[in-house]
Amino acid sequence: MQKETGMKKHKVASWKRQRVGKTDAITIGIDLGDRTSQYCVLNAKGEVIERAAVTTTNKGMAQAFGSRRQSRVAIEVGTHSPWVSRLLKSFGHEVIVANARQVQLISKNSRKSDKLDAEVLARLARVDPELLRPIRHRGEQAQAHLAAIRVRAALIEARTGLVNAARGVVKSAGERLASCDPDRMGVGHLVGLGASLRGTLEPLLQEIESLTARIKGCDHKSSRSPGNIRNVNSSSR
């Protein structure tokens, strides 16, 4: 009899814990901005219990959400969403990264504002997270490899612009630079040009050489982690 009573007490306690969890649930919507983000907090009844702004930095997010009890947090995919989602998950929160196309009702809202956007995200996440068609970001390592690819592409684009500029300057003076691949172009190509033209072009060709060295440095780093760069494109966002 005593054992049965103990089991009943355990069931009641378990039910109370579940009930408290459901009735005390918190949902947060964050509208991520480049410098400042607005967030809205809803209780289990869907009532707004807090609105505030937070700086879009690691420190700001940690101060606002690091000490909160575990909550469901909805953010929209964007520039800051990868690192913000990882940071919030590290605090124990359930993070939903909303598909931007799926949240069209935010942009169509005639009363659009950052505060309203945050509230709409919170309400959709509270009712049914699948309404947001959540996406999954790349892992931190894959994100780092993607960043390396983008940096290399930016360096190549910058070098191409300088090479074209150098050829254009020489051509306008009735001269020609020797044909070569961009990674072989440097101050050595000034030989044969007039003194004035050499002085004008030298800083440009020095910069081209510097960019080439940086590009080769990127290639060397990527070669030391075989397979990682190739796998980036097969990862999720």
C-alpha atoms as a PDB file:
ATOM      1  CA  MET A   1       0.000   0.000   0.000  1.00  0.00           C
ATOM      2  CA  GLN A   2       2.826   2.353   0.889  1.00  0.00           C
ATOM      3  CA  LYS A   3       4.579   1.497  -2.384  1.00  0.00           C
ATOM      4  CA  GLU A   4       1.410   2.233  -4.347  1.00  0.00           C
ATOM      5  CA  THR A   5       1.005   5.574  -2.578  1.00  0.00           C
ATOM      6  CA  GLY A   6       4.622   6.410  -3.410  1.00  0.00           C
ATOM      7  CA  MET A   7       4.045   5.620  -7.081  1.00  0.00           C
ATOM      8  CA  LYS A   8       0.966   7.866  -7.114  1.00  0.00           C
ATOM      9  CA  LYS A   9       2.955  10.712  -5.567  1.00  0.00           C
ATOM     10  CA  HIS A  10       5.673  10.227  -8.182  1.00  0.00           C
ATOM     11  CA  LYS A  11       3.128  10.385 -11.002  1.00  0.00           C
ATOM     12  CA  VAL A  12       1.539  13.518  -9.546  1.00  0.00           C
ATOM     13  CA  ALA A  13       4.943  15.168  -9.170  1.00  0.00           C
ATOM     14  CA  SER A  14       5.886  14.206 -12.731  1.00  0.00           C
ATOM     15  CA  TRP A  15       2.580  15.584 -14.053  1.00  0.00           C
ATOM     16  CA  LYS A  16       3.095  18.825 -12.139  1.00  0.00           C
ATOM     17  CA  ARG A  17       6.577  19.235 -13.612  1.00  0.00           C
ATOM     18  CA  GLN A  18       5.227  18.734 -17.137  1.00  0.00           C
ATOM     19  CA  ARG A  19       2.371  21.122 -16.465  1.00  0.00           C
ATOM     20  CA  VAL A  20       4.688  23.801 -15.120  1.00  0.00           C
ATOM     21  CA  GLY A  21       6.927  23.386 -18.173  1.00  0.00           C
ATOM     22  CA  LYS A  22       4.011  23.896 -20.567  1.00  0.00           C
ATOM     23  CA  THR A  23       2.333  26.746 -18.725  1.00  0.00           C
ATOM     24  CA  ASP A  24       5.620  28.505 -18.103  1.00  0.00           C
ATOM     25  CA  ALA A  25       6.973  28.188 -21.658  1.00  0.00           C
ATOM     26  CA  ILE A  26       8.667  31.240 -23.141  1.00  0.00           C
ATOM     27  CA  THR A  27       9.020  32.056 -26.842  1.00  0.00           C
ATOM     28  CA  ILE A  28      11.342  34.777 -28.126  1.00  0.00           C
ATOM     29  CA  GLY A  29      11.457  36.381 -31.563  1.00  0.00           C
ATOM     30  CA  ILE A  30      14.586  38.317 -32.547  1.00  0.00           C
ATOM     31  CA  ASP A  31      14.713  40.641 -35.549  1.00  0.00           C
ATOM     32  CA  LEU A  32      18.443  40.702 -36.291  1.00  0.00           C
ATOM     33  CA  GLY A  33      19.825  44.058 -37.362  1.00  0.00           C
ATOM     34  CA  ASP A  34      23.352  44.895 -38.426  1.00  0.00           C
ATOM     35  CA  ARG A  35      24.112  46.945 -35.304  1.00  0.00           C
ATOM     36  CA  THR A  36      21.065  46.524 -33.068  1.00  0.00           C
ATOM     37  CA  SER A  37      18.467  43.756 -32.858  1.00  0.00           C
ATOM     38  CA  GLN A  38      14.940  43.996 -31.471  1.00  0.00           C
ATOM     39  CA  TYR A  39      13.434  41.101 -29.550  1.00  0.00           C
ATOM     40  CA  CYS A  40       9.999  40.224 -28.228  1.00  0.00           C
ATOM     41  CA  VAL A  41       9.230  37.732 -25.452  1.00  0.00           C
ATOM     42  CA  LEU A  42       5.896  35.891 -25.219  1.00  0.00           C
ATOM     43  CA  ASN A  43       4.602  33.853 -22.308  1.00  0.00           C
ATOM     44  CA  ALA A  44       2.726  30.570 -22.699  1.00  0.00           C
ATOM     45  CA  LYS A  45      -0.552  32.458 -23.208  1.00  0.00           C
ATOM     46  CA  GLY A  46       0.921  34.437 -26.104  1.00  0.00           C
ATOM     47  CA  GLU A  47       1.086  37.673 -24.117  1.00  0.00           C
ATOM     48  CA  VAL A  48       3.960  40.075 -24.724  1.00  0.00           C
ATOM     49  CA  ILE A  49       5.904  40.243 -21.483  1.00  0.00           C
ATOM     50  CA  GLU A  50       9.023  41.991 -22.730  1.00  0.00           C
ATOM     51  CA  ARG A  51      10.285  44.082 -25.628  1.00  0.00           C
ATOM     52  CA  ALA A  52      13.839  45.322 -25.822  1.00  0.00           C
ATOM     53  CA  ALA A  53      16.841  45.975 -28.037  1.00  0.00           C
ATOM     54  CA  VAL A  54      20.250  44.333 -27.914  1.00  0.00           C
ATOM     55  CA  THR A  55      23.494  45.089 -29.715  1.00  0.00           C
ATOM     56  CA  THR A  56      24.201  42.536 -32.430  1.00  0.00           C
ATOM     57  CA  THR A  57      27.480  41.354 -30.938  1.00  0.00           C
ATOM     58  CA  ASN A  58      28.616  38.285 -29.022  1.00  0.00           C
ATOM     59  CA  LYS A  59      28.773  40.325 -25.824  1.00  0.00           C
ATOM     60  CA  GLY A  60      25.345  41.879 -26.322  1.00  0.00           C
ATOM     61  CA  MET A  61      23.649  38.557 -27.101  1.00  0.00           C
ATOM     62  CA  ALA A  62      25.335  36.879 -24.139  1.00  0.00           C
ATOM     63  CA  GLN A  63      24.145  39.601 -21.763  1.00  0.00           C
ATOM     64  CA  ALA A  64      20.565  39.439 -23.076  1.00  0.00           C
ATOM     65  CA  PHE A  65      20.121  35.675 -23.433  1.00  0.00           C
ATOM     66  CA  GLY A  66      22.992  33.896 -21.690  1.00  0.00           C
ATOM     67  CA  SER A  67      21.387  33.802 -18.249  1.00  0.00           C
ATOM     68  CA  ARG A  68      17.780  33.230 -19.361  1.00  0.00           C
ATOM     69  CA  ARG A  69      16.189  29.892 -18.736  1.00  0.00           C
ATOM     70  CA  GLN A  70      15.891  27.670 -21.790  1.00  0.00           C
ATOM     71  CA  SER A  71      13.427  29.110 -24.297  1.00  0.00           C
ATOM     72  CA  ARG A  72      12.358  28.711 -27.898  1.00  0.00           C
ATOM     73  CA  VAL A  73      13.996  31.441 -29.960  1.00  0.00           C
ATOM     74  CA  ALA A  74      13.137  32.331 -33.563  1.00  0.00           C
ATOM     75  CA  ILE A  75      15.424  34.367 -35.821  1.00  0.00           C
ATOM     76  CA  GLU A  76      15.313  35.005 -39.552  1.00  0.00           C
ATOM     77  CA  VAL A  77      18.107  33.744 -41.785  1.00  0.00           C
ATOM     78  CA  GLY A  78      20.644  36.420 -42.687  1.00  0.00           C
ATOM     79  CA  THR A  79      24.220  37.623 -42.304  1.00  0.00           C
ATOM     80  CA  HIS A  80      24.254  37.312 -38.519  1.00  0.00           C
ATOM     81  CA  SER A  81      22.034  34.239 -38.124  1.00  0.00           C
ATOM     82  CA  PRO A  82      24.822  31.577 -38.309  1.00  0.00           C
ATOM     83  CA  TRP A  83      26.852  32.837 -35.361  1.00  0.00           C
ATOM     84  CA  VAL A  84      23.816  34.028 -33.399  1.00  0.00           C
ATOM     85  CA  SER A  85      22.121  30.616 -33.713  1.00  0.00           C
ATOM     86  CA  ARG A  86      25.276  28.813 -32.560  1.00  0.00           C
ATOM     87  CA  LEU A  87      25.679  31.177 -29.611  1.00  0.00           C
ATOM     88  CA  LEU A  88      22.052  30.847 -28.481  1.00  0.00           C
ATOM     89  CA  LYS A  89      22.216  27.052 -28.752  1.00  0.00           C
ATOM     90  CA  SER A  90      25.304  27.079 -26.550  1.00  0.00           C
ATOM     91  CA  PHE A  91      23.127  28.732 -23.874  1.00  0.00           C
ATOM     92  CA  GLY A  92      20.692  25.824 -24.105  1.00  0.00           C
ATOM     93  CA  HIS A  93      17.965  27.560 -26.096  1.00  0.00           C
ATOM     94  CA  GLU A  94      15.963  25.862 -28.850  1.00  0.00           C
ATOM     95  CA  VAL A  95      16.770  27.960 -31.913  1.00  0.00           C
ATOM     96  CA  ILE A  96      14.639  28.140 -35.052  1.00  0.00           C
ATOM     97  CA  VAL A  97      16.201  29.838 -38.088  1.00  0.00           C
ATOM     98  CA  ALA A  98      13.274  30.920 -40.239  1.00  0.00           C
ATOM     99  CA  ASN A  99      13.346  30.701 -44.030  1.00  0.00           C
ATOM    100  CA  ALA A 100      13.147  34.288 -45.279  1.00  0.00           C
ATOM    101  CA  ARG A 101      10.751  33.401 -48.097  1.00  0.00           C
ATOM    102  CA  GLN A 102       8.395  31.783 -45.654  1.00  0.00           C
ATOM    103  CA  VAL A 103       8.130  34.929 -43.544  1.00  0.00           C
ATOM    104  CA  GLN A 104       6.727  37.075 -46.365  1.00  0.00           C
ATOM    105  CA  LEU A 105       3.900  38.260 -44.182  1.00  0.00           C
ATOM    106  CA  ILE A 106       6.457  40.340 -42.259  1.00  0.00           C
ATOM    107  CA  SER A 107       7.501  42.326 -45.324  1.00  0.00           C
ATOM    108  CA  LYS A 108       3.882  42.653 -46.469  1.00  0.00           C
ATOM    109  CA  ASN A 109       2.786  44.059 -43.131  1.00  0.00           C
ATOM    110  CA  SER A 110       1.742  47.700 -43.658  1.00  0.00           C
ATOM    111  CA  ARG A 111       2.730  48.405 -40.029  1.00  0.00           C
ATOM    112  CA  LYS A 112       6.208  46.966 -40.563  1.00  0.00           C
ATOM    113  CA  SER A 113       8.779  47.745 -37.894  1.00  0.00           C
ATOM    114  CA  ASP A 114      11.608  45.862 -36.239  1.00  0.00           C
ATOM    115  CA  LYS A 115       9.509  45.453 -33.082  1.00  0.00           C
ATOM    116  CA  LEU A 116       6.572  43.988 -35.009  1.00  0.00           C
ATOM    117  CA  ASP A 117       8.883  41.698 -36.996  1.00  0.00           C
ATOM    118  CA  ALA A 118      10.265  40.274 -33.751  1.00  0.00           C
ATOM    119  CA  GLU A 119       6.754  39.717 -32.405  1.00  0.00           C
ATOM    120  CA  VAL A 120       5.550  37.971 -35.575  1.00  0.00           C
ATOM    121  CA  LEU A 121       8.556  35.633 -35.455  1.00  0.00           C
ATOM    122  CA  ALA A 122       7.807  34.822 -31.830  1.00  0.00           C
ATOM    123  CA  ARG A 123       4.107  34.167 -32.504  1.00  0.00           C
ATOM    124  CA  LEU A 124       4.791  31.893 -35.477  1.00  0.00           C
ATOM    125  CA  ALA A 125       7.395  29.936 -33.507  1.00  0.00           C
ATOM    126  CA  ARG A 126       5.018  29.625 -30.556  1.00  0.00           C
ATOM    127  CA  VAL A 127       2.132  28.250 -32.645  1.00  0.00           C
ATOM    128  CA  ASP A 128       4.086  25.909 -34.945  1.00  0.00           C
ATOM    129  CA  PRO A 129       7.820  26.153 -35.787  1.00  0.00           C
ATOM    130  CA  GLU A 130       7.175  24.368 -39.109  1.00  0.00           C
ATOM    131  CA  LEU A 131       5.333  27.487 -40.298  1.00  0.00           C
ATOM    132  CA  LEU A 132       8.757  29.111 -40.490  1.00  0.00           C
ATOM    133  CA  ARG A 133      10.203  26.336 -42.683  1.00  0.00           C
ATOM    134  CA  PRO A 134      13.353  26.287 -40.545  1.00  0.00           C
ATOM    135  CA  ILE A 135      16.723  25.928 -42.239  1.00  0.00           C
ATOM    136  CA  ARG A 136      19.917  24.391 -40.866  1.00  0.00           C
ATOM    137  CA  HIS A 137      23.137  26.379 -41.032  1.00  0.00           C
ATOM    138  CA  ARG A 138      26.521  24.934 -41.879  1.00  0.00           C
ATOM    139  CA  GLY A 139      28.648  23.893 -38.959  1.00  0.00           C
ATOM    140  CA  GLU A 140      31.207  26.337 -37.598  1.00  0.00           C
ATOM    141  CA  GLN A 141      34.106  24.591 -39.354  1.00  0.00           C
ATOM    142  CA  ALA A 142      32.317  24.509 -42.719  1.00  0.00           C
ATOM    143  CA  GLN A 143      31.427  28.182 -42.243  1.00  0.00           C
ATOM    144  CA  ALA A 144      35.106  28.984 -41.690  1.00  0.00           C
ATOM    145  CA  HIS A 145      36.081  27.151 -44.895  1.00  0.00           C
ATOM    146  CA  LEU A 146      33.406  29.046 -46.821  1.00  0.00           C
ATOM    147  CA  ALA A 147      34.761  32.318 -45.450  1.00  0.00           C
ATOM    148  CA  ALA A 148      38.233  31.334 -46.687  1.00  0.00           C
ATOM    149  CA  ILE A 149      36.835  30.660 -50.165  1.00  0.00           C
ATOM    150  CA  ARG A 150      35.132  34.053 -50.214  1.00  0.00           C
ATOM    151  CA  VAL A 151      38.290  35.836 -49.080  1.00  0.00           C
ATOM    152  CA  ARG A 152      40.308  34.178 -51.847  1.00  0.00           C
ATOM    153  CA  ALA A 153      37.664  35.104 -54.434  1.00  0.00           C
ATOM    154  CA  ALA A 154      37.713  38.729 -53.240  1.00  0.00           C
ATOM    155  CA  LEU A 155      41.521  38.850 -53.531  1.00  0.00           C
ATOM    156  CA  ILE A 156      41.383  37.452 -57.064  1.00  0.00           C
ATOM    157  CA  GLU A 157      38.704  39.965 -58.035  1.00  0.00           C
ATOM    158  CA  ALA A 158      40.800  42.822 -56.651  1.00  0.00           C
ATOM    159  CA  ARG A 159      43.899  41.603 -58.501  1.00  0.00           C
ATOM    160  CA  THR A 160      41.982  41.245 -61.775  1.00  0.00           C
ATOM    161  CA  GLY A 161      40.812  44.851 -61.446  1.00  0.00           C
ATOM    162  CA  LEU A 162      44.376  46.077 -60.893  1.00  0.00           C
ATOM    163  CA  VAL A 163      45.745  44.021 -63.805  1.00  0.00           C
ATOM    164  CA  ASN A 164      43.098  45.447 -66.125  1.00  0.00           C
ATOM    165  CA  ALA A 165      43.834  48.953 -64.842  1.00  0.00           C
ATOM    166  CA  ALA A 166      47.574  48.509 -65.479  1.00  0.00           C
ATOM    167  CA  ARG A 167      47.018  47.247 -69.011  1.00  0.00           C
ATOM    168  CA  GLY A 168      44.605  50.108 -69.678  1.00  0.00           C
ATOM    169  CA  VAL A 169      47.071  52.757 -68.498  1.00  0.00           C
ATOM    170  CA  VAL A 170      49.873  51.335 -70.648  1.00  0.00           C
ATOM    171  CA  LYS A 171      47.626  50.967 -73.669  1.00  0.00           C
ATOM    172  CA  SER A 172      46.485  54.603 -73.393  1.00  0.00           C
ATOM    173  CA  ALA A 173      50.149  55.616 -73.631  1.00  0.00           C
ATOM    174  CA  GLY A 174      50.649  53.618 -76.819  1.00  0.00           C
ATOM    175  CA  GLU A 175      52.541  50.822 -75.098  1.00  0.00           C
ATOM    176  CA  ARG A 176      51.806  47.186 -74.255  1.00  0.00           C
ATOM    177  CA  LEU A 177      52.489  44.983 -71.263  1.00  0.00           C
ATOM    178  CA  ALA A 178      53.751  41.508 -72.112  1.00  0.00           C
ATOM    179  CA  SER A 179      51.016  38.873 -72.104  1.00  0.00           C
ATOM    180  CA  CYS A 180      51.087  36.637 -69.033  1.00  0.00           C
ATOM    181  CA  ASP A 181      48.902  35.050 -66.397  1.00  0.00           C
ATOM    182  CA  PRO A 182      47.861  37.438 -63.590  1.00  0.00           C
ATOM    183  CA  ASP A 183      49.916  35.482 -61.037  1.00  0.00           C
ATOM    184  CA  ARG A 184      53.062  36.171 -63.072  1.00  0.00           C
ATOM    185  CA  MET A 185      52.574  39.910 -63.466  1.00  0.00           C
ATOM    186  CA  GLY A 186      54.889  42.146 -61.449  1.00  0.00           C
ATOM    187  CA  VAL A 187      57.348  45.023 -61.507  1.00  0.00           C
ATOM    188  CA  GLY A 188      59.533  43.069 -63.943  1.00  0.00           C
ATOM    189  CA  HIS A 189      57.019  43.939 -66.675  1.00  0.00           C
ATOM    190  CA  LEU A 190      58.016  47.606 -66.409  1.00  0.00           C
ATOM    191  CA  VAL A 191      61.174  46.899 -68.396  1.00  0.00           C
ATOM    192  CA  GLY A 192      61.009  48.585 -71.778  1.00  0.00           C
ATOM    193  CA  LEU A 193      58.487  51.232 -70.765  1.00  0.00           C
ATOM    194  CA  GLY A 194      59.260  54.946 -70.541  1.00  0.00           C
ATOM    195  CA  ALA A 195      60.637  56.287 -67.236  1.00  0.00           C
ATOM    196  CA  SER A 196      57.518  58.348 -66.476  1.00  0.00           C
ATOM    197  CA  LEU A 197      55.205  55.415 -67.165  1.00  0.00           C
ATOM    198  CA  ARG A 198      57.354  53.094 -65.047  1.00  0.00           C
ATOM    199  CA  GLY A 199      57.145  55.444 -62.075  1.00  0.00           C
ATOM    200  CA  THR A 200      53.370  55.693 -62.440  1.00  0.00           C
ATOM    201  CA  LEU A 201      52.782  51.949 -62.744  1.00  0.00           C
ATOM    202  CA  GLU A 202      55.261  50.667 -60.182  1.00  0.00           C
ATOM    203  CA  PRO A 203      52.936  50.998 -57.105  1.00  0.00           C
ATOM    204  CA  LEU A 204      50.162  49.263 -59.055  1.00  0.00           C
ATOM    205  CA  LEU A 205      52.322  46.305 -60.055  1.00  0.00           C
ATOM    206  CA  GLN A 206      53.738  46.041 -56.543  1.00  0.00           C
ATOM    207  CA  GLU A 207      50.185  45.738 -55.234  1.00  0.00           C
ATOM    208  CA  ILE A 208      49.462  43.038 -57.821  1.00  0.00           C
ATOM    209  CA  GLU A 209      52.492  41.078 -56.593  1.00  0.00           C
ATOM    210  CA  SER A 210      51.322  41.469 -52.995  1.00  0.00           C
ATOM    211  CA  LEU A 211      47.830  40.181 -53.841  1.00  0.00           C
ATOM    212  CA  THR A 212      49.319  37.222 -55.702  1.00  0.00           C
ATOM    213  CA  ALA A 213      51.355  36.319 -52.613  1.00  0.00           C
ATOM    214  CA  ARG A 214      48.227  36.491 -50.452  1.00  0.00           C
ATOM    215  CA  ILE A 215      46.271  34.317 -52.899  1.00  0.00           C
ATOM    216  CA  LYS A 216      49.035  31.709 -52.840  1.00  0.00           C
ATOM    217  CA  GLY A 217      48.936  31.873 -49.046  1.00  0.00           C
ATOM    218  CA  CYS A 218      45.212  31.060 -49.151  1.00  0.00           C
ATOM    219  CA  ASP A 219      45.923  28.125 -51.483  1.00  0.00           C
ATOM    220  CA  HIS A 220      48.619  26.829 -49.149  1.00  0.00           C
ATOM    221  CA  LYS A 221      46.247  26.924 -46.147  1.00  0.00           C
ATOM    222  CA  SER A 222      43.490  25.109 -48.042  1.00  0.00           C
ATOM    223  CA  SER A 223      45.916  22.409 -49.222  1.00  0.00           C
ATOM    224  CA  ARG A 224      46.762  21.635 -45.590  1.00  0.00           C
ATOM    225  CA  SER A 225      43.132  20.678 -44.889  1.00  0.00           C
ATOM    226  CA  PRO A 226      42.271  18.356 -47.814  1.00  0.00           C
ATOM    227  CA  GLY A 227      38.623  17.621 -48.461  1.00  0.00           C
ATOM    228  CA  ASN A 228      37.270  20.366 -46.204  1.00  0.00           C
ATOM    229  CA  ILE A 229      36.855  23.001 -48.910  1.00  0.00           C
ATOM    230  CA  ARG A 230      35.292  20.530 -51.309  1.00  0.00           C
ATOM    231  CA  ASN A 231      32.750  19.491 -48.716  1.00  0.00           C
ATOM    232  CA  VAL A 232      31.563  23.031 -47.977  1.00  0.00           C
ATOM    233  CA  ASN A 233      29.232  23.220 -50.952  1.00  0.00           C
ATOM    234  CA  SER A 234      27.569  19.936 -49.987  1.00  0.00           C
ATOM    235  CA  SER A 235      26.777  21.225 -46.501  1.00  0.00           C
ATOM    236  CA  SER A 236      23.557  22.950 -45.534  1.00  0.00           C
ATOM    237  CA  ARG A 237      23.434  26.720 -45.080  1.00  0.00           C
END
